[in-house]
Amino acid sequence: MRASILQTLFGGKSAEAVLLFLYHYGEGYGRAIARDFSVSLDSVQRQLDKLEQVGVLVCKRQGRTLVYSWNAKFTLANKIKDVVGHVYNSLSISERAMLFTQRHQPRAKDKPVLPPV
């Protein structure tokens, strides 16, 4: 799969999972990322903490859950998001469907799961 370039650039499968998940959904929390990509929760949380410390991500608390999203105020975060976007857009529909099997929000009847490329 072509998304492995993110593993090489950012240091592993959990980094790739975090970046692709946040690009696809816009926000997320550690357990959902770990579940969807079948990686350990501990490694996902370390990546989220690391990306938050450098300013790429911001975190907000919803109850007891920490929800992460891209930091729109940090220009480097936008550049990283662009790189992730190029990798994401290079994935075929079938590759995206394999990566993002869980529906996180309800959708209208007859609406496609993924937008056409």
C-alpha atoms as a PDB file:
ATOM      1  CA  MET A   1       0.000   0.000   0.000  1.00  0.00           C
ATOM      2  CA  ARG A   2       1.286   3.477  -0.864  1.00  0.00           C
ATOM      3  CA  ALA A   3       0.401   4.937   2.536  1.00  0.00           C
ATOM      4  CA  SER A   4       3.556   3.313   3.935  1.00  0.00           C
ATOM      5  CA  ILE A   5       5.421   6.468   2.872  1.00  0.00           C
ATOM      6  CA  LEU A   6       3.865   8.087   5.962  1.00  0.00           C
ATOM      7  CA  GLN A   7       5.320   5.289   8.078  1.00  0.00           C
ATOM      8  CA  THR A   8       8.758   6.079   6.706  1.00  0.00           C
ATOM      9  CA  LEU A   9       8.436   9.852   7.074  1.00  0.00           C
ATOM     10  CA  PHE A  10       6.829   9.952  10.518  1.00  0.00           C
ATOM     11  CA  GLY A  11       8.238   6.860  12.163  1.00  0.00           C
ATOM     12  CA  GLY A  12       5.785   4.005  12.182  1.00  0.00           C
ATOM     13  CA  LYS A  13       2.361   2.527  11.701  1.00  0.00           C
ATOM     14  CA  SER A  14       0.814   4.402  14.617  1.00  0.00           C
ATOM     15  CA  ALA A  15       1.934   7.761  13.192  1.00  0.00           C
ATOM     16  CA  GLU A  16       0.472   6.799   9.826  1.00  0.00           C
ATOM     17  CA  ALA A  17      -2.770   5.720  11.514  1.00  0.00           C
ATOM     18  CA  VAL A  18      -3.094   8.981  13.449  1.00  0.00           C
ATOM     19  CA  LEU A  19      -2.421  11.188  10.430  1.00  0.00           C
ATOM     20  CA  LEU A  20      -4.693   9.326   8.004  1.00  0.00           C
ATOM     21  CA  PHE A  21      -7.494   9.027  10.552  1.00  0.00           C
ATOM     22  CA  LEU A  22      -7.415  12.734  11.359  1.00  0.00           C
ATOM     23  CA  TYR A  23      -7.243  13.641   7.686  1.00  0.00           C
ATOM     24  CA  HIS A  24     -10.234  11.438   6.882  1.00  0.00           C
ATOM     25  CA  TYR A  25     -12.465  12.336   9.845  1.00  0.00           C
ATOM     26  CA  GLY A  26     -11.096  15.745  10.862  1.00  0.00           C
ATOM     27  CA  GLU A  27     -10.889  14.773  14.527  1.00  0.00           C
ATOM     28  CA  GLY A  28     -10.611  11.673  16.638  1.00  0.00           C
ATOM     29  CA  TYR A  29      -9.514  10.056  19.865  1.00  0.00           C
ATOM     30  CA  GLY A  30      -6.910   7.453  20.617  1.00  0.00           C
ATOM     31  CA  ARG A  31      -9.091   4.393  21.134  1.00  0.00           C
ATOM     32  CA  ALA A  32     -10.973   4.901  17.842  1.00  0.00           C
ATOM     33  CA  ILE A  33      -7.720   5.275  15.907  1.00  0.00           C
ATOM     34  CA  ALA A  34      -6.193   2.197  17.545  1.00  0.00           C
ATOM     35  CA  ARG A  35      -9.345   0.141  16.874  1.00  0.00           C
ATOM     36  CA  ASP A  36      -9.716   1.175  13.226  1.00  0.00           C
ATOM     37  CA  PHE A  37      -6.055   0.575  12.326  1.00  0.00           C
ATOM     38  CA  SER A  38      -5.419  -2.413  14.633  1.00  0.00           C
ATOM     39  CA  VAL A  39      -2.473  -0.779  16.410  1.00  0.00           C
ATOM     40  CA  SER A  40      -1.825  -0.546  20.131  1.00  0.00           C
ATOM     41  CA  LEU A  41      -3.593   2.201  22.056  1.00  0.00           C
ATOM     42  CA  ASP A  42      -0.376   3.101  23.882  1.00  0.00           C
ATOM     43  CA  SER A  43       1.541   3.775  20.667  1.00  0.00           C
ATOM     44  CA  VAL A  44      -1.339   5.849  19.249  1.00  0.00           C
ATOM     45  CA  GLN A  45      -1.530   7.930  22.427  1.00  0.00           C
ATOM     46  CA  ARG A  46       2.234   8.543  22.309  1.00  0.00           C
ATOM     47  CA  GLN A  47       1.947   9.765  18.712  1.00  0.00           C
ATOM     48  CA  LEU A  48      -0.989  12.015  19.598  1.00  0.00           C
ATOM     49  CA  ASP A  49       0.948  13.472  22.539  1.00  0.00           C
ATOM     50  CA  LYS A  50       4.044  14.018  20.411  1.00  0.00           C
ATOM     51  CA  LEU A  51       2.102  15.735  17.618  1.00  0.00           C
ATOM     52  CA  GLU A  52       0.281  17.889  20.155  1.00  0.00           C
ATOM     53  CA  GLN A  53       3.538  18.923  21.867  1.00  0.00           C
ATOM     54  CA  VAL A  54       5.018  20.212  18.603  1.00  0.00           C
ATOM     55  CA  GLY A  55       1.792  22.041  17.753  1.00  0.00           C
ATOM     56  CA  VAL A  56       0.551  19.988  14.804  1.00  0.00           C
ATOM     57  CA  LEU A  57      -2.553  18.863  16.720  1.00  0.00           C
ATOM     58  CA  VAL A  58      -4.774  20.482  19.313  1.00  0.00           C
ATOM     59  CA  CYS A  59      -6.713  18.635  21.955  1.00  0.00           C
ATOM     60  CA  LYS A  60     -10.040  19.289  23.630  1.00  0.00           C
ATOM     61  CA  ARG A  61     -11.726  17.379  26.387  1.00  0.00           C
ATOM     62  CA  GLN A  62     -15.178  15.901  25.819  1.00  0.00           C
ATOM     63  CA  GLY A  63     -16.146  14.343  29.125  1.00  0.00           C
ATOM     64  CA  ARG A  64     -13.259  12.018  29.968  1.00  0.00           C
ATOM     65  CA  THR A  65     -12.164  11.672  26.346  1.00  0.00           C
ATOM     66  CA  LEU A  66      -9.413  13.732  24.709  1.00  0.00           C
ATOM     67  CA  VAL A  67     -10.405  14.570  21.134  1.00  0.00           C
ATOM     68  CA  TYR A  68      -7.607  15.626  18.776  1.00  0.00           C
ATOM     69  CA  SER A  69      -7.818  17.696  15.601  1.00  0.00           C
ATOM     70  CA  TRP A  70      -5.493  19.627  13.289  1.00  0.00           C
ATOM     71  CA  ASN A  71      -4.140  22.916  14.633  1.00  0.00           C
ATOM     72  CA  ALA A  72      -5.369  25.416  12.034  1.00  0.00           C
ATOM     73  CA  LYS A  73      -3.320  28.237  13.590  1.00  0.00           C
ATOM     74  CA  PHE A  74       0.030  26.492  13.052  1.00  0.00           C
ATOM     75  CA  THR A  75       1.282  26.783   9.468  1.00  0.00           C
ATOM     76  CA  LEU A  76       3.454  23.665   9.693  1.00  0.00           C
ATOM     77  CA  ALA A  77       0.348  21.663  10.620  1.00  0.00           C
ATOM     78  CA  ASN A  78      -1.271  22.791   7.375  1.00  0.00           C
ATOM     79  CA  LYS A  79       1.814  21.686   5.412  1.00  0.00           C
ATOM     80  CA  ILE A  80       1.801  18.265   7.090  1.00  0.00           C
ATOM     81  CA  LYS A  81      -1.922  17.980   6.425  1.00  0.00           C
ATOM     82  CA  ASP A  82      -1.213  18.746   2.746  1.00  0.00           C
ATOM     83  CA  VAL A  83       1.379  15.932   2.601  1.00  0.00           C
ATOM     84  CA  VAL A  84      -1.065  13.519   4.249  1.00  0.00           C
ATOM     85  CA  GLY A  85      -3.726  14.714   1.817  1.00  0.00           C
ATOM     86  CA  HIS A  86      -1.542  13.847  -1.172  1.00  0.00           C
ATOM     87  CA  VAL A  87      -1.005  10.331   0.195  1.00  0.00           C
ATOM     88  CA  TYR A  88      -4.702   9.985   1.074  1.00  0.00           C
ATOM     89  CA  ASN A  89      -5.806  11.131  -2.385  1.00  0.00           C
ATOM     90  CA  SER A  90      -3.394   8.694  -4.042  1.00  0.00           C
ATOM     91  CA  LEU A  91      -5.147   5.762  -2.335  1.00  0.00           C
ATOM     92  CA  SER A  92      -7.662   3.914  -4.444  1.00  0.00           C
ATOM     93  CA  ILE A  93     -11.289   3.692  -3.344  1.00  0.00           C
ATOM     94  CA  SER A  94     -10.779   0.056  -2.345  1.00  0.00           C
ATOM     95  CA  GLU A  95      -7.714   0.933  -0.232  1.00  0.00           C
ATOM     96  CA  ARG A  96      -9.679   3.687   1.515  1.00  0.00           C
ATOM     97  CA  ALA A  97     -12.587   1.344   2.107  1.00  0.00           C
ATOM     98  CA  MET A  98     -10.204  -1.170   3.724  1.00  0.00           C
ATOM     99  CA  LEU A  99      -8.663   1.507   5.980  1.00  0.00           C
ATOM    100  CA  PHE A 100     -11.884   3.232   7.002  1.00  0.00           C
ATOM    101  CA  THR A 101     -14.385   0.444   7.545  1.00  0.00           C
ATOM    102  CA  GLN A 102     -16.110   1.978  10.566  1.00  0.00           C
ATOM    103  CA  ARG A 103     -18.803   4.589   9.988  1.00  0.00           C
ATOM    104  CA  HIS A 104     -18.435   7.366  12.533  1.00  0.00           C
ATOM    105  CA  GLN A 105     -21.439   9.446  11.552  1.00  0.00           C
ATOM    106  CA  PRO A 106     -24.793   8.526  10.089  1.00  0.00           C
ATOM    107  CA  ARG A 107     -25.238   9.370   6.450  1.00  0.00           C
ATOM    108  CA  ALA A 108     -28.214   9.995   4.231  1.00  0.00           C
ATOM    109  CA  LYS A 109     -29.813   7.142   2.335  1.00  0.00           C
ATOM    110  CA  ASP A 110     -28.150   6.500  -1.060  1.00  0.00           C
ATOM    111  CA  LYS A 111     -25.141   8.702  -0.205  1.00  0.00           C
ATOM    112  CA  PRO A 112     -21.839   7.009  -1.161  1.00  0.00           C
ATOM    113  CA  VAL A 113     -19.500   5.976   1.648  1.00  0.00           C
ATOM    114  CA  LEU A 114     -16.491   7.704   0.095  1.00  0.00           C
ATOM    115  CA  PRO A 115     -16.539  10.673  -2.256  1.00  0.00           C
ATOM    116  CA  PRO A 116     -15.624   9.824  -5.852  1.00  0.00           C
ATOM    117  CA  VAL A 117     -12.030  10.532  -6.775  1.00  0.00           C
END
